[in-house]
């Protein structure tokens, strides 16, 4: 599994996940939409941590500058 995410992409995903979590915890979003967004936030954090996004593979997208 080669890394295909750059630092800017990782920062944006991590920030979006934190914002979603805050909105859920403050009850701005709730119900089914809140749960779906929390799952998405968890995926964002996981992909940011491992620096790999499986959805980028079929499209050949790489946001990291250090690929060979």
Protein backbone atom coordinates (compact mmCIF):
# COMPACT_ATOMS: atom_id res chain seq x y z
CA UNK A 1 0.00 0.00 0.00
CA UNK A 2 1.79 3.10 -1.23
CA UNK A 3 1.03 6.47 0.28
CA UNK A 4 -1.04 8.64 -2.04
CA UNK A 5 -2.03 11.55 0.21
CA UNK A 6 -0.09 14.76 0.72
CA UNK A 7 0.12 16.83 3.87
CA UNK A 8 -2.43 19.42 2.74
CA UNK A 9 -4.95 16.69 1.91
CA UNK A 10 -4.37 15.05 5.29
CA UNK A 11 -4.79 18.35 7.14
CA UNK A 12 -8.05 19.15 5.34
CA UNK A 13 -9.48 15.69 6.08
CA UNK A 14 -8.42 15.83 9.73
CA UNK A 15 -9.88 19.33 10.15
CA UNK A 16 -13.16 18.29 8.53
CA UNK A 17 -13.39 15.29 10.86
CA UNK A 18 -12.83 17.46 13.93
CA UNK A 19 -15.48 19.95 12.77
CA UNK A 20 -17.98 17.15 12.16
CA UNK A 21 -17.30 15.71 15.63
CA UNK A 22 -17.76 19.11 17.27
CA UNK A 23 -21.02 19.71 15.40
CA UNK A 24 -22.30 16.30 16.47
CA UNK A 25 -21.30 16.75 20.11
CA UNK A 26 -22.95 20.19 20.27
CA UNK A 27 -26.15 18.71 18.73
CA UNK A 28 -26.02 20.93 15.65
CA UNK A 29 -26.27 17.75 13.58
CA UNK A 30 -28.06 14.68 14.90
CA UNK A 31 -30.02 11.61 13.94
CA UNK A 32 -29.17 9.52 10.93
CA UNK A 33 -27.28 12.34 9.23
CA UNK A 34 -25.15 12.80 12.33
CA UNK A 35 -24.25 9.13 12.49
CA UNK A 36 -23.42 8.98 8.78
CA UNK A 37 -21.21 12.06 9.12
CA UNK A 38 -19.47 10.58 12.19
CA UNK A 39 -18.64 7.44 10.21
CA UNK A 40 -17.31 9.65 7.42
CA UNK A 41 -15.24 11.57 9.97
CA UNK A 42 -13.79 8.29 11.27
CA UNK A 43 -12.83 7.31 7.72
CA UNK A 44 -11.23 10.73 7.23
CA UNK A 45 -9.14 10.31 10.38
CA UNK A 46 -8.12 6.77 9.44
CA UNK A 47 -7.09 7.72 5.91
CA UNK A 48 -5.22 10.76 7.22
CA UNK A 49 -3.31 8.59 9.66
CA UNK A 50 -2.29 5.91 7.15
CA UNK A 51 -1.71 8.45 4.34
CA UNK A 52 -3.66 6.32 1.88
CA UNK A 53 -7.06 6.81 0.26
CA UNK A 54 -8.45 3.75 -1.55
CA UNK A 55 -10.80 5.93 -3.63
CA UNK A 56 -7.80 7.60 -5.24
CA UNK A 57 -6.57 4.32 -6.77
CA UNK A 58 -9.12 3.86 -9.60
CA UNK A 59 -8.68 7.48 -10.68
CA UNK A 60 -4.90 7.54 -10.36
CA UNK A 61 -4.96 10.52 -8.02
CA UNK A 62 -1.88 11.25 -5.90
CA UNK A 63 -1.69 14.37 -3.78
CA UNK A 64 1.73 13.66 -2.31
CA UNK A 65 4.71 15.21 -4.00
CA UNK A 66 7.19 12.51 -3.01
CA UNK A 67 5.92 9.66 -5.19
CA UNK A 68 8.24 7.84 -7.58
